[in-house]
């Protein structure tokens, strides 16, 4: 590929990315706040988190499950993400160290 072709591809990708972001912003701005789409989008971060995390928790074996349970309990008690992450990682490390 010539340098000019590479530059053209980079420019097209940049324009496409900008158009998609601008379109998403305009679409989101036109939604009603009490509509079903807005409620779904408010729930989406939690749903995506669960979808990505479940596979890792299940493939981590017993130590991963211990860490997950400890993180969930810590989050329920403290409502602090960093405390839950730290407690979950520490519990998973401890469970792994004792051979679970």
Protein backbone atom coordinates (compact mmCIF):
# COMPACT_ATOMS: atom_id res chain seq x y z
CA UNK A 1 0.00 0.00 0.00
CA UNK A 2 1.15 3.48 -0.75
CA UNK A 3 1.32 6.13 1.93
CA UNK A 4 -1.52 8.07 0.33
CA UNK A 5 -3.80 5.01 0.45
CA UNK A 6 -2.97 4.44 4.13
CA UNK A 7 -3.72 8.08 4.86
CA UNK A 8 -7.05 7.83 3.00
CA UNK A 9 -8.06 4.74 4.98
CA UNK A 10 -7.17 6.44 8.28
CA UNK A 11 -9.21 9.50 7.29
CA UNK A 12 -12.22 7.36 6.30
CA UNK A 13 -12.07 5.52 9.61
CA UNK A 14 -11.88 8.80 11.50
CA UNK A 15 -14.86 10.24 9.64
CA UNK A 16 -16.86 7.05 10.21
CA UNK A 17 -16.04 7.02 13.92
CA UNK A 18 -17.01 10.67 14.31
CA UNK A 19 -20.26 10.15 12.37
CA UNK A 20 -21.24 7.21 14.56
CA UNK A 21 -20.52 9.12 17.77
CA UNK A 22 -22.39 12.20 16.57
CA UNK A 23 -25.33 10.08 15.40
CA UNK A 24 -25.48 8.29 18.73
CA UNK A 25 -25.42 11.58 20.58
CA UNK A 26 -28.21 13.01 18.45
CA UNK A 27 -30.28 9.85 18.83
CA UNK A 28 -29.82 9.80 22.60
CA UNK A 29 -30.72 13.47 22.86
CA UNK A 30 -34.02 12.84 21.05
CA UNK A 31 -35.16 10.02 23.38
CA UNK A 32 -37.75 10.55 26.07
CA UNK A 33 -36.39 10.13 29.60
CA UNK A 34 -39.32 7.98 30.71
CA UNK A 35 -39.36 5.71 27.66
CA UNK A 36 -38.47 2.04 27.54
CA UNK A 37 -35.27 2.67 25.56
CA UNK A 38 -33.98 5.09 28.19
CA UNK A 39 -34.74 2.60 30.98
CA UNK A 40 -32.95 -0.14 29.04
CA UNK A 41 -29.87 2.05 28.51
CA UNK A 42 -29.73 2.85 32.23
CA UNK A 43 -29.61 -0.90 32.91
CA UNK A 44 -27.09 -1.68 30.15
CA UNK A 45 -23.86 -1.09 32.13
CA UNK A 46 -24.89 -3.63 34.76
CA UNK A 47 -25.98 -6.13 32.12
CA UNK A 48 -22.72 -5.77 30.23
CA UNK A 49 -20.73 -6.17 33.43
CA UNK A 50 -22.54 -9.40 34.25
CA UNK A 51 -22.15 -10.72 30.71
CA UNK A 52 -18.39 -10.18 30.69
CA UNK A 53 -17.70 -11.24 34.27
CA UNK A 54 -19.66 -14.50 34.47
CA UNK A 55 -17.36 -16.33 32.07
CA UNK A 56 -14.27 -15.28 33.98
CA UNK A 57 -15.79 -16.16 37.34
CA UNK A 58 -16.81 -19.61 36.17
CA UNK A 59 -13.48 -20.35 34.51
CA UNK A 60 -11.55 -19.21 37.61
CA UNK A 61 -12.58 -22.29 39.55
CA UNK A 62 -13.37 -22.25 43.28
CA UNK A 63 -10.94 -19.39 43.99
CA UNK A 64 -12.69 -17.23 41.41
CA UNK A 65 -16.09 -18.02 42.87
CA UNK A 66 -14.88 -17.19 46.40
CA UNK A 67 -13.52 -13.87 45.17
CA UNK A 68 -16.77 -13.10 43.36
CA UNK A 69 -18.93 -13.85 46.38
CA UNK A 70 -16.71 -11.78 48.67
CA UNK A 71 -16.77 -8.89 46.19
CA UNK A 72 -20.57 -9.04 45.93
CA UNK A 73 -21.03 -9.10 49.71
CA UNK A 74 -18.54 -6.25 50.18
CA UNK A 75 -20.30 -4.20 47.52
CA UNK A 76 -23.68 -4.81 49.15
CA UNK A 77 -22.36 -3.72 52.54
CA UNK A 78 -20.11 -0.79 51.63
CA UNK A 79 -21.47 0.33 48.22
CA UNK A 80 -17.87 1.14 47.26
CA UNK A 81 -16.56 -0.39 44.05
CA UNK A 82 -12.90 -0.18 44.97
CA UNK A 83 -13.47 -1.80 48.35
CA UNK A 84 -15.38 -4.63 46.69
CA UNK A 85 -12.70 -5.12 44.04
CA UNK A 86 -9.92 -5.14 46.61
CA UNK A 87 -11.75 -7.57 48.89
CA UNK A 88 -12.64 -9.83 45.98
CA UNK A 89 -9.10 -9.96 44.66
CA UNK A 90 -7.70 -10.57 48.14
CA UNK A 91 -10.18 -13.37 48.77
CA UNK A 92 -9.43 -15.00 45.43
CA UNK A 93 -5.71 -14.76 46.14
CA UNK A 94 -6.13 -16.24 49.60
CA UNK A 95 -8.35 -19.05 48.30
CA UNK A 96 -5.84 -19.81 45.58
CA UNK A 97 -2.97 -19.81 48.09
CA UNK A 98 -4.66 -22.36 50.34
CA UNK A 99 -5.37 -24.60 47.38
CA UNK A 100 -9.05 -24.09 46.56
